Amino acid sequence: MVTNVSGDVLLISRPDNGSWALPGRAIDLGESIPASAIRETLEETGVSCEITGFVGTYSDPKHVILYTRDGKVRQEFSIVLTARAINGEPTPSQESREVRWVPRGEAARYRMDRSMRLRIEPLPQRGRTVHRLKYKATTPTPSANVKQASSDTESGLHRHKRPGQRLSRSNG
């Protein structure tokens, strides 16, 4: 979660669905978590940052990802760090449709996935760590979530694809 000197939060509009999100995606092999966060922020937003802290880890058994290349369904988890912008201007990239600084009190007005909203609402205040782990310990059945979903948005299902690959929906 990158902030500027005014306390605004850096958000991106995702190119795949237009939802707003914090910058960041995946860690590369051999890369540290802080280095990954700095790299992903710069690639997606044009803003260089410095890691300043740790907010928490997030996982939602109802948020699953279907990888179309191998048909596997996985549950994601996220590690949220705090960071401060050190230079650069918000600039869209192939990984972001739009990039902007959003005042902390206005983040709730932006359309975003339920799982992303859990990471930034309420926005952590400086020096305060937030941990959200609200679910019962049960045996997950991600395939049921995939089959019963009427839309990718409702289930929190994201389909990861190779560049140029078309996505298709199966009926069962």
N, C-alpha and C. Protein backbone atom coordinates (compact mmCIF):
# COMPACT_ATOMS: atom_id res chain seq x y z
N MET A 1 0.86 -1.15 0.00
CA MET A 1 0.00 0.00 0.00
C MET A 1 0.91 1.23 0.00
N VAL A 2 1.00 1.89 -1.14
CA VAL A 2 1.90 3.03 -1.31
C VAL A 2 1.13 4.32 -1.02
N THR A 3 1.73 5.19 -0.23
CA THR A 3 1.14 6.49 0.06
C THR A 3 2.11 7.60 -0.34
N ASN A 4 1.55 8.78 -0.61
CA ASN A 4 2.37 9.95 -0.91
C ASN A 4 2.44 10.86 0.32
N VAL A 5 3.09 12.03 0.19
CA VAL A 5 3.25 12.93 1.34
C VAL A 5 1.92 13.44 1.87
N SER A 6 0.88 13.44 1.03
CA SER A 6 -0.45 13.88 1.47
C SER A 6 -1.24 12.77 2.15
N GLY A 7 -0.70 11.54 2.15
CA GLY A 7 -1.40 10.40 2.74
C GLY A 7 -2.34 9.70 1.78
N ASP A 8 -2.35 10.13 0.49
CA ASP A 8 -3.19 9.47 -0.52
C ASP A 8 -2.63 8.08 -0.83
N VAL A 9 -3.51 7.17 -1.23
CA VAL A 9 -3.14 5.79 -1.54
C VAL A 9 -3.07 5.63 -3.06
N LEU A 10 -2.06 4.90 -3.53
CA LEU A 10 -1.89 4.65 -4.95
C LEU A 10 -2.74 3.46 -5.37
N LEU A 11 -3.66 3.67 -6.33
CA LEU A 11 -4.52 2.61 -6.85
C LEU A 11 -4.36 2.50 -8.35
N ILE A 12 -4.59 1.29 -8.87
CA ILE A 12 -4.60 1.06 -10.31
C ILE A 12 -5.96 0.53 -10.73
N SER A 13 -6.33 0.81 -11.97
CA SER A 13 -7.50 0.18 -12.57
C SER A 13 -6.95 -0.99 -13.39
N ARG A 14 -7.40 -2.19 -13.07
CA ARG A 14 -6.88 -3.40 -13.73
C ARG A 14 -7.32 -3.44 -15.19
N PRO A 15 -6.41 -3.84 -16.09
CA PRO A 15 -6.76 -3.87 -17.51
C PRO A 15 -7.72 -5.00 -17.88
N ASP A 16 -7.79 -6.07 -17.08
CA ASP A 16 -8.64 -7.21 -17.43
C ASP A 16 -10.10 -7.00 -17.08
N ASN A 17 -10.38 -6.23 -16.01
CA ASN A 17 -11.79 -6.07 -15.62
C ASN A 17 -12.15 -4.64 -15.17
N GLY A 18 -11.19 -3.72 -15.18
CA GLY A 18 -11.47 -2.34 -14.81
C GLY A 18 -11.64 -2.08 -13.33
N SER A 19 -11.55 -3.12 -12.50
CA SER A 19 -11.66 -2.94 -11.05
C SER A 19 -10.42 -2.23 -10.53
N TRP A 20 -10.60 -1.51 -9.44
CA TRP A 20 -9.48 -0.80 -8.81
C TRP A 20 -8.82 -1.72 -7.80
N ALA A 21 -7.50 -1.56 -7.66
CA ALA A 21 -6.73 -2.44 -6.78
C ALA A 21 -5.45 -1.75 -6.34
N LEU A 22 -4.84 -2.30 -5.31
CA LEU A 22 -3.50 -1.89 -4.94
C LEU A 22 -2.54 -2.47 -5.98
N PRO A 23 -1.45 -1.80 -6.29
CA PRO A 23 -0.48 -2.38 -7.21
C PRO A 23 0.17 -3.62 -6.60
N GLY A 24 0.61 -4.53 -7.46
CA GLY A 24 1.30 -5.73 -7.01
C GLY A 24 0.65 -6.97 -7.58
N ARG A 25 1.42 -7.98 -7.81
CA ARG A 25 0.90 -9.24 -8.32
C ARG A 25 1.70 -10.40 -7.74
N ALA A 26 2.73 -10.83 -8.46
CA ALA A 26 3.44 -12.06 -8.10
C ALA A 26 4.92 -11.80 -7.89
N ILE A 27 5.51 -12.67 -7.10
CA ILE A 27 6.93 -12.61 -6.82
C ILE A 27 7.67 -13.45 -7.87
N ASP A 28 8.79 -12.95 -8.35
CA ASP A 28 9.61 -13.70 -9.30
C ASP A 28 10.54 -14.63 -8.53
N LEU A 29 10.95 -15.74 -9.17
CA LEU A 29 11.88 -16.66 -8.53
C LEU A 29 13.15 -15.92 -8.13
N GLY A 30 13.62 -16.17 -6.93
CA GLY A 30 14.84 -15.56 -6.44
C GLY A 30 14.70 -14.14 -5.93
N GLU A 31 13.48 -13.62 -5.90
CA GLU A 31 13.23 -12.24 -5.51
C GLU A 31 12.70 -12.19 -4.07
N SER A 32 13.09 -11.18 -3.32
CA SER A 32 12.55 -11.02 -1.96
C SER A 32 11.17 -10.38 -2.05
N ILE A 33 10.39 -10.49 -0.99
CA ILE A 33 9.06 -9.89 -0.95
C ILE A 33 9.14 -8.37 -1.11
N PRO A 34 10.00 -7.66 -0.36
CA PRO A 34 10.08 -6.21 -0.56
C PRO A 34 10.52 -5.83 -1.98
N ALA A 35 11.50 -6.55 -2.53
CA ALA A 35 11.96 -6.25 -3.90
C ALA A 35 10.84 -6.46 -4.90
N SER A 36 10.04 -7.49 -4.71
CA SER A 36 8.90 -7.76 -5.59
C SER A 36 7.89 -6.62 -5.52
N ALA A 37 7.59 -6.16 -4.31
CA ALA A 37 6.61 -5.07 -4.15
C ALA A 37 7.10 -3.79 -4.82
N ILE A 38 8.36 -3.48 -4.67
CA ILE A 38 8.93 -2.29 -5.29
C ILE A 38 8.90 -2.41 -6.81
N ARG A 39 9.32 -3.58 -7.35
CA ARG A 39 9.33 -3.79 -8.79
C ARG A 39 7.93 -3.73 -9.38
N GLU A 40 6.99 -4.44 -8.77
CA GLU A 40 5.62 -4.47 -9.30
C GLU A 40 4.99 -3.08 -9.27
N THR A 41 5.23 -2.33 -8.21
CA THR A 41 4.67 -0.97 -8.12
C THR A 41 5.22 -0.11 -9.25
N LEU A 42 6.52 -0.16 -9.48
CA LEU A 42 7.12 0.64 -10.54
C LEU A 42 6.61 0.21 -11.91
N GLU A 43 6.55 -1.10 -12.17
CA GLU A 43 6.07 -1.60 -13.47
C GLU A 43 4.62 -1.20 -13.74
N GLU A 44 3.77 -1.28 -12.72
CA GLU A 44 2.35 -1.03 -12.92
C GLU A 44 1.96 0.43 -12.85
N THR A 45 2.78 1.25 -12.17
CA THR A 45 2.34 2.63 -11.90
C THR A 45 3.30 3.73 -12.33
N GLY A 46 4.57 3.40 -12.57
CA GLY A 46 5.56 4.43 -12.85
C GLY A 46 6.06 5.14 -11.61
N VAL A 47 5.66 4.68 -10.43
CA VAL A 47 6.05 5.30 -9.16
C VAL A 47 7.05 4.39 -8.44
N SER A 48 8.20 4.96 -8.07
CA SER A 48 9.18 4.24 -7.25
C SER A 48 8.80 4.42 -5.79
N CYS A 49 9.02 3.37 -5.01
CA CYS A 49 8.64 3.45 -3.60
C CYS A 49 9.68 2.80 -2.72
N GLU A 50 9.52 3.04 -1.43
CA GLU A 50 10.39 2.47 -0.40
C GLU A 50 9.47 1.78 0.61
N ILE A 51 9.76 0.54 0.94
CA ILE A 51 8.94 -0.22 1.89
C ILE A 51 9.14 0.35 3.29
N THR A 52 8.03 0.56 3.99
CA THR A 52 8.08 1.15 5.34
C THR A 52 7.49 0.25 6.42
N GLY A 53 6.77 -0.80 6.03
CA GLY A 53 6.17 -1.64 7.06
C GLY A 53 5.35 -2.78 6.50
N PHE A 54 4.73 -3.48 7.40
CA PHE A 54 3.92 -4.67 7.10
C PHE A 54 2.52 -4.46 7.65
N VAL A 55 1.51 -4.67 6.80
CA VAL A 55 0.11 -4.53 7.23
C VAL A 55 -0.43 -5.86 7.69
N GLY A 56 -0.30 -6.90 6.85
CA GLY A 56 -0.82 -8.20 7.23
C GLY A 56 -0.87 -9.17 6.07
N THR A 57 -1.34 -10.36 6.35
CA THR A 57 -1.55 -11.38 5.32
C THR A 57 -3.05 -11.58 5.17
N TYR A 58 -3.47 -11.86 3.96
CA TYR A 58 -4.89 -11.99 3.66
C TYR A 58 -5.13 -13.24 2.83
N SER A 59 -6.17 -13.96 3.18
CA SER A 59 -6.57 -15.16 2.46
C SER A 59 -8.08 -15.30 2.58
N ASP A 60 -8.72 -15.69 1.51
CA ASP A 60 -10.17 -15.85 1.50
C ASP A 60 -10.51 -17.15 0.78
N PRO A 61 -10.97 -18.17 1.49
CA PRO A 61 -11.28 -19.45 0.86
C PRO A 61 -12.33 -19.35 -0.25
N LYS A 62 -13.09 -18.27 -0.29
CA LYS A 62 -14.09 -18.09 -1.35
C LYS A 62 -13.49 -17.44 -2.59
N HIS A 63 -12.25 -16.97 -2.51
CA HIS A 63 -11.59 -16.31 -3.64
C HIS A 63 -10.61 -17.30 -4.24
N VAL A 64 -10.99 -17.89 -5.37
CA VAL A 64 -10.15 -18.89 -6.03
C VAL A 64 -9.78 -18.42 -7.43
N ILE A 65 -8.69 -18.99 -7.94
CA ILE A 65 -8.19 -18.64 -9.26
C ILE A 65 -8.14 -19.90 -10.11
N LEU A 66 -8.71 -19.83 -11.31
CA LEU A 66 -8.64 -20.93 -12.27
C LEU A 66 -7.56 -20.58 -13.28
N TYR A 67 -6.52 -21.41 -13.34
CA TYR A 67 -5.44 -21.24 -14.31
C TYR A 67 -5.83 -22.02 -15.56
N THR A 68 -6.12 -21.29 -16.63
CA THR A 68 -6.63 -21.94 -17.84
C THR A 68 -5.59 -22.79 -18.54
N ARG A 69 -4.30 -22.51 -18.34
CA ARG A 69 -3.28 -23.29 -19.05
C ARG A 69 -3.22 -24.73 -18.57
N ASP A 70 -3.54 -24.97 -17.28
CA ASP A 70 -3.47 -26.35 -16.79
C ASP A 70 -4.76 -26.80 -16.10
N GLY A 71 -5.77 -25.92 -16.02
CA GLY A 71 -7.05 -26.27 -15.44
C GLY A 71 -7.05 -26.38 -13.93
N LYS A 72 -5.97 -26.01 -13.28
CA LYS A 72 -5.90 -26.11 -11.82
C LYS A 72 -6.55 -24.90 -11.17
N VAL A 73 -7.19 -25.15 -10.04
CA VAL A 73 -7.83 -24.11 -9.25
C VAL A 73 -7.01 -23.94 -7.98
N ARG A 74 -6.66 -22.69 -7.69
CA ARG A 74 -5.85 -22.41 -6.51
C ARG A 74 -6.46 -21.28 -5.71
N GLN A 75 -6.17 -21.30 -4.43
CA GLN A 75 -6.59 -20.21 -3.55
C GLN A 75 -5.41 -19.27 -3.38
N GLU A 76 -5.64 -17.99 -3.54
CA GLU A 76 -4.56 -17.02 -3.40
C GLU A 76 -4.40 -16.57 -1.96
N PHE A 77 -3.25 -15.99 -1.69
CA PHE A 77 -3.05 -15.25 -0.45
C PHE A 77 -2.26 -14.01 -0.81
N SER A 78 -2.37 -12.99 0.00
CA SER A 78 -1.67 -11.74 -0.25
C SER A 78 -0.93 -11.30 0.99
N ILE A 79 0.20 -10.67 0.75
CA ILE A 79 0.98 -10.03 1.80
C ILE A 79 0.93 -8.55 1.49
N VAL A 80 0.42 -7.75 2.42
CA VAL A 80 0.29 -6.32 2.19
C VAL A 80 1.34 -5.58 3.01
N LEU A 81 2.16 -4.81 2.29
CA LEU A 81 3.20 -3.99 2.91
C LEU A 81 2.81 -2.53 2.78
N THR A 82 3.37 -1.69 3.62
CA THR A 82 3.21 -0.24 3.45
C THR A 82 4.47 0.29 2.79
N ALA A 83 4.29 1.35 2.03
CA ALA A 83 5.42 1.96 1.34
C ALA A 83 5.15 3.43 1.15
N ARG A 84 6.21 4.19 0.94
CA ARG A 84 6.04 5.61 0.63
C ARG A 84 6.64 5.86 -0.74
N ALA A 85 5.98 6.71 -1.50
CA ALA A 85 6.46 7.07 -2.83
C ALA A 85 7.73 7.90 -2.69
N ILE A 86 8.73 7.61 -3.53
CA ILE A 86 9.96 8.41 -3.48
C ILE A 86 10.17 9.21 -4.77
N ASN A 87 9.63 8.76 -5.89
CA ASN A 87 9.64 9.57 -7.11
C ASN A 87 8.78 8.92 -8.18
N GLY A 88 8.57 9.65 -9.27
CA GLY A 88 7.76 9.16 -10.37
C GLY A 88 6.36 9.72 -10.33
N GLU A 89 5.72 9.67 -11.49
CA GLU A 89 4.34 10.13 -11.63
C GLU A 89 3.44 8.95 -11.99
N PRO A 90 2.21 8.90 -11.48
CA PRO A 90 1.30 7.81 -11.85
C PRO A 90 1.15 7.74 -13.37
N THR A 91 1.53 6.59 -13.93
CA THR A 91 1.53 6.38 -15.37
C THR A 91 0.99 4.99 -15.67
N PRO A 92 -0.06 4.87 -16.47
CA PRO A 92 -0.58 3.53 -16.82
C PRO A 92 0.45 2.72 -17.61
N SER A 93 0.31 1.42 -17.55
CA SER A 93 1.18 0.49 -18.27
C SER A 93 0.32 -0.63 -18.86
N GLN A 94 0.95 -1.66 -19.38
CA GLN A 94 0.20 -2.82 -19.86
C GLN A 94 -0.50 -3.52 -18.71
N GLU A 95 -0.04 -3.28 -17.49
CA GLU A 95 -0.61 -3.93 -16.31
C GLU A 95 -1.60 -3.04 -15.56
N SER A 96 -1.88 -1.85 -16.11
CA SER A 96 -2.83 -0.94 -15.45
C SER A 96 -3.49 -0.06 -16.51
N ARG A 97 -4.80 0.01 -16.45
CA ARG A 97 -5.57 0.85 -17.37
C ARG A 97 -5.47 2.32 -16.97
N GLU A 98 -5.47 2.55 -15.65
CA GLU A 98 -5.39 3.89 -15.10
C GLU A 98 -4.69 3.81 -13.75
N VAL A 99 -3.97 4.86 -13.38
CA VAL A 99 -3.26 4.92 -12.10
C VAL A 99 -3.56 6.27 -11.47
N ARG A 100 -3.89 6.28 -10.18
CA ARG A 100 -4.15 7.57 -9.53
C ARG A 100 -3.94 7.50 -8.03
N TRP A 101 -3.65 8.67 -7.47
CA TRP A 101 -3.60 8.84 -6.02
C TRP A 101 -5.02 9.09 -5.55
N VAL A 102 -5.44 8.36 -4.54
CA VAL A 102 -6.80 8.46 -4.02
C VAL A 102 -6.75 8.85 -2.54
N PRO A 103 -7.44 9.91 -2.14
CA PRO A 103 -7.48 10.25 -0.72
C PRO A 103 -8.03 9.08 0.09
N ARG A 104 -7.44 8.85 1.24
CA ARG A 104 -7.83 7.69 2.06
C ARG A 104 -9.33 7.55 2.26
N GLY A 105 -10.01 8.64 2.50
CA GLY A 105 -11.45 8.59 2.76
C GLY A 105 -12.30 8.30 1.53
N GLU A 106 -11.73 8.36 0.34
CA GLU A 106 -12.48 8.15 -0.90
C GLU A 106 -12.30 6.76 -1.51
N ALA A 107 -11.41 5.95 -0.98
CA ALA A 107 -11.14 4.63 -1.56
C ALA A 107 -12.40 3.76 -1.61
N ALA A 108 -13.29 3.91 -0.65
CA ALA A 108 -14.52 3.10 -0.60
C ALA A 108 -15.44 3.38 -1.79
N ARG A 109 -15.28 4.50 -2.47
CA ARG A 109 -16.14 4.85 -3.60
C ARG A 109 -15.73 4.16 -4.90
N TYR A 110 -14.58 3.54 -4.92
CA TYR A 110 -14.06 2.91 -6.14
C TYR A 110 -14.54 1.47 -6.24
N ARG A 111 -14.87 1.05 -7.47
CA ARG A 111 -15.31 -0.33 -7.72
C ARG A 111 -14.11 -1.25 -7.63
N MET A 112 -14.18 -2.24 -6.72
CA MET A 112 -13.09 -3.20 -6.59
C MET A 112 -13.64 -4.53 -6.11
N ASP A 113 -12.87 -5.57 -6.34
CA ASP A 113 -13.22 -6.91 -5.90
C ASP A 113 -13.33 -6.93 -4.38
N ARG A 114 -14.24 -7.74 -3.90
CA ARG A 114 -14.48 -7.87 -2.45
C ARG A 114 -13.19 -8.23 -1.71
N SER A 115 -12.40 -9.12 -2.28
CA SER A 115 -11.17 -9.53 -1.60
C SER A 115 -10.16 -8.38 -1.53
N MET A 116 -10.13 -7.50 -2.53
CA MET A 116 -9.23 -6.34 -2.49
C MET A 116 -9.72 -5.33 -1.47
N ARG A 117 -11.02 -5.14 -1.40
CA ARG A 117 -11.58 -4.18 -0.45
C ARG A 117 -11.20 -4.56 0.99
N LEU A 118 -11.16 -5.85 1.28
CA LEU A 118 -10.79 -6.31 2.62
C LEU A 118 -9.36 -5.89 2.98
N ARG A 119 -8.51 -5.70 1.95
CA ARG A 119 -7.13 -5.34 2.21
C ARG A 119 -6.95 -3.85 2.51
N ILE A 120 -7.89 -3.03 2.07
CA ILE A 120 -7.69 -1.59 2.25
C ILE A 120 -8.78 -0.89 3.03
N GLU A 121 -9.83 -1.58 3.46
CA GLU A 121 -10.87 -0.93 4.27
C GLU A 121 -11.00 -1.64 5.60
N PRO A 122 -10.93 -0.99 6.72
CA PRO A 122 -10.52 0.41 6.79
C PRO A 122 -9.03 0.50 6.53
N LEU A 123 -8.61 1.56 5.91
CA LEU A 123 -7.19 1.73 5.62
C LEU A 123 -6.41 1.80 6.92
N PRO A 124 -5.35 1.03 7.03
CA PRO A 124 -4.56 1.07 8.27
C PRO A 124 -3.96 2.45 8.50
N GLN A 125 -3.95 2.86 9.73
CA GLN A 125 -3.33 4.12 10.10
C GLN A 125 -1.86 3.86 10.41
N ARG A 126 -1.05 4.86 10.29
CA ARG A 126 0.39 4.73 10.53
C ARG A 126 0.63 4.09 11.90
N GLY A 127 1.48 3.07 11.92
CA GLY A 127 1.85 2.42 13.18
C GLY A 127 0.86 1.38 13.67
N ARG A 128 -0.20 1.13 12.92
CA ARG A 128 -1.21 0.17 13.35
C ARG A 128 -1.21 -1.01 12.39
N THR A 129 -1.17 -2.23 12.90
CA THR A 129 -1.19 -3.42 12.06
C THR A 129 -2.57 -4.03 12.11
N VAL A 130 -3.09 -4.37 10.95
CA VAL A 130 -4.41 -4.97 10.85
C VAL A 130 -4.27 -6.39 10.33
N HIS A 131 -4.88 -7.35 11.01
CA HIS A 131 -4.89 -8.74 10.55
C HIS A 131 -6.34 -9.14 10.41
N ARG A 132 -6.73 -9.60 9.24
CA ARG A 132 -8.11 -10.05 9.04
C ARG A 132 -8.09 -11.50 8.60
N LEU A 133 -8.57 -12.37 9.44
CA LEU A 133 -8.70 -13.78 9.11
C LEU A 133 -10.08 -14.22 9.59
N LYS A 134 -11.10 -13.90 8.81
CA LYS A 134 -12.47 -14.17 9.22
C LYS A 134 -13.04 -15.34 8.41
N TYR A 135 -12.84 -16.55 8.87
CA TYR A 135 -13.49 -17.68 8.24
C TYR A 135 -13.36 -18.88 9.16
N LYS A 136 -14.27 -19.82 8.97
CA LYS A 136 -14.24 -21.04 9.75
C LYS A 136 -13.23 -21.99 9.11
N ALA A 137 -12.57 -22.79 9.93
CA ALA A 137 -11.65 -23.79 9.42
C ALA A 137 -12.47 -24.96 8.89
N THR A 138 -12.61 -25.03 7.59
CA THR A 138 -13.34 -26.12 6.94
C THR A 138 -12.52 -26.63 5.78
N THR A 139 -12.90 -27.75 5.26
CA THR A 139 -12.23 -28.27 4.08
C THR A 139 -12.76 -27.53 2.87
N PRO A 140 -11.91 -26.78 2.16
CA PRO A 140 -12.38 -26.01 1.01
C PRO A 140 -12.74 -26.90 -0.16
N THR A 141 -13.71 -26.46 -0.93
CA THR A 141 -14.10 -27.15 -2.15
C THR A 141 -14.10 -26.16 -3.29
N PRO A 142 -12.90 -25.74 -3.76
CA PRO A 142 -12.83 -24.71 -4.79
C PRO A 142 -13.54 -25.08 -6.08
N SER A 143 -13.56 -26.38 -6.43
CA SER A 143 -14.22 -26.75 -7.68
C SER A 143 -15.71 -26.45 -7.61
N ALA A 144 -16.32 -26.57 -6.42
CA ALA A 144 -17.74 -26.23 -6.27
C ALA A 144 -17.94 -24.74 -6.49
N ASN A 145 -17.02 -23.91 -5.99
CA ASN A 145 -17.12 -22.47 -6.20
C ASN A 145 -17.07 -22.13 -7.68
N VAL A 146 -16.22 -22.81 -8.42
CA VAL A 146 -16.07 -22.54 -9.84
C VAL A 146 -17.33 -22.93 -10.59
N LYS A 147 -17.87 -24.13 -10.31
CA LYS A 147 -19.04 -24.61 -11.05
C LYS A 147 -20.31 -23.84 -10.72
N GLN A 148 -20.46 -23.38 -9.47
CA GLN A 148 -21.68 -22.72 -9.06
C GLN A 148 -21.70 -21.23 -9.34
N ALA A 149 -20.58 -20.68 -9.73
CA ALA A 149 -20.50 -19.23 -9.94
C ALA A 149 -21.28 -18.83 -11.18
N SER A 150 -22.12 -17.80 -11.04
CA SER A 150 -22.85 -17.30 -12.20
C SER A 150 -22.02 -16.28 -12.96
N SER A 151 -21.00 -15.71 -12.31
CA SER A 151 -20.09 -14.80 -13.00
C SER A 151 -18.77 -14.79 -12.27
N ASP A 152 -17.70 -14.46 -12.99
CA ASP A 152 -16.39 -14.40 -12.38
C ASP A 152 -16.36 -13.38 -11.25
N THR A 153 -17.06 -12.27 -11.41
CA THR A 153 -17.05 -11.21 -10.41
C THR A 153 -17.70 -11.67 -9.12
N GLU A 154 -18.85 -12.36 -9.21
CA GLU A 154 -19.56 -12.80 -8.01
C GLU A 154 -18.73 -13.77 -7.18
N SER A 155 -18.02 -14.71 -7.83
CA SER A 155 -17.30 -15.73 -7.09
C SER A 155 -15.92 -15.28 -6.66
N GLY A 156 -15.43 -14.17 -7.20
CA GLY A 156 -14.06 -13.78 -6.94
C GLY A 156 -13.10 -14.58 -7.79
N LEU A 157 -13.59 -15.27 -8.81
CA LEU A 157 -12.78 -16.11 -9.68
C LEU A 157 -12.03 -15.26 -10.68
N HIS A 158 -10.73 -15.44 -10.74
CA HIS A 158 -9.93 -14.77 -11.75
C HIS A 158 -9.31 -15.83 -12.64
N ARG A 159 -9.32 -15.63 -13.92
CA ARG A 159 -8.72 -16.57 -14.85
C ARG A 159 -7.41 -15.98 -15.35
N HIS A 160 -6.31 -16.70 -15.09
CA HIS A 160 -5.02 -16.24 -15.55
C HIS A 160 -4.75 -16.91 -16.89
N LYS A 161 -4.29 -16.15 -17.86
CA LYS A 161 -4.09 -16.69 -19.20
C LYS A 161 -2.76 -16.25 -19.74
N ARG A 162 -2.30 -16.97 -20.74
CA ARG A 162 -1.09 -16.59 -21.44
C ARG A 162 -1.44 -15.47 -22.40
N PRO A 163 -0.46 -14.59 -22.74
CA PRO A 163 -0.73 -13.52 -23.70
C PRO A 163 -1.29 -14.08 -25.00
N GLY A 164 -2.34 -13.47 -25.49
CA GLY A 164 -2.97 -13.88 -26.74
C GLY A 164 -3.96 -15.03 -26.61
N GLN A 165 -4.05 -15.67 -25.46
CA GLN A 165 -4.96 -16.80 -25.27
C GLN A 165 -6.35 -16.26 -24.99
N ARG A 166 -7.36 -16.82 -25.66
CA ARG A 166 -8.75 -16.43 -25.42
C ARG A 166 -9.32 -17.26 -24.29
N LEU A 167 -10.14 -16.63 -23.48
CA LEU A 167 -10.80 -17.36 -22.39
C LEU A 167 -12.17 -17.81 -22.83
N SER A 168 -12.56 -18.99 -22.43
CA SER A 168 -13.90 -19.46 -22.74
C SER A 168 -14.50 -20.05 -21.47
N ARG A 169 -15.78 -19.98 -21.34
CA ARG A 169 -16.48 -20.48 -20.17
C ARG A 169 -17.11 -21.82 -20.52
N SER A 170 -16.84 -22.81 -19.64
CA SER A 170 -17.48 -24.10 -19.84
C SER A 170 -18.72 -24.16 -18.98
N ASN A 171 -19.65 -25.02 -19.32
CA ASN A 171 -20.91 -25.13 -18.58
C ASN A 171 -20.92 -26.35 -17.69
N GLY A 172 -19.84 -26.69 -17.14
CA GLY A 172 -19.89 -27.80 -16.23
C GLY A 172 -18.57 -28.30 -15.95
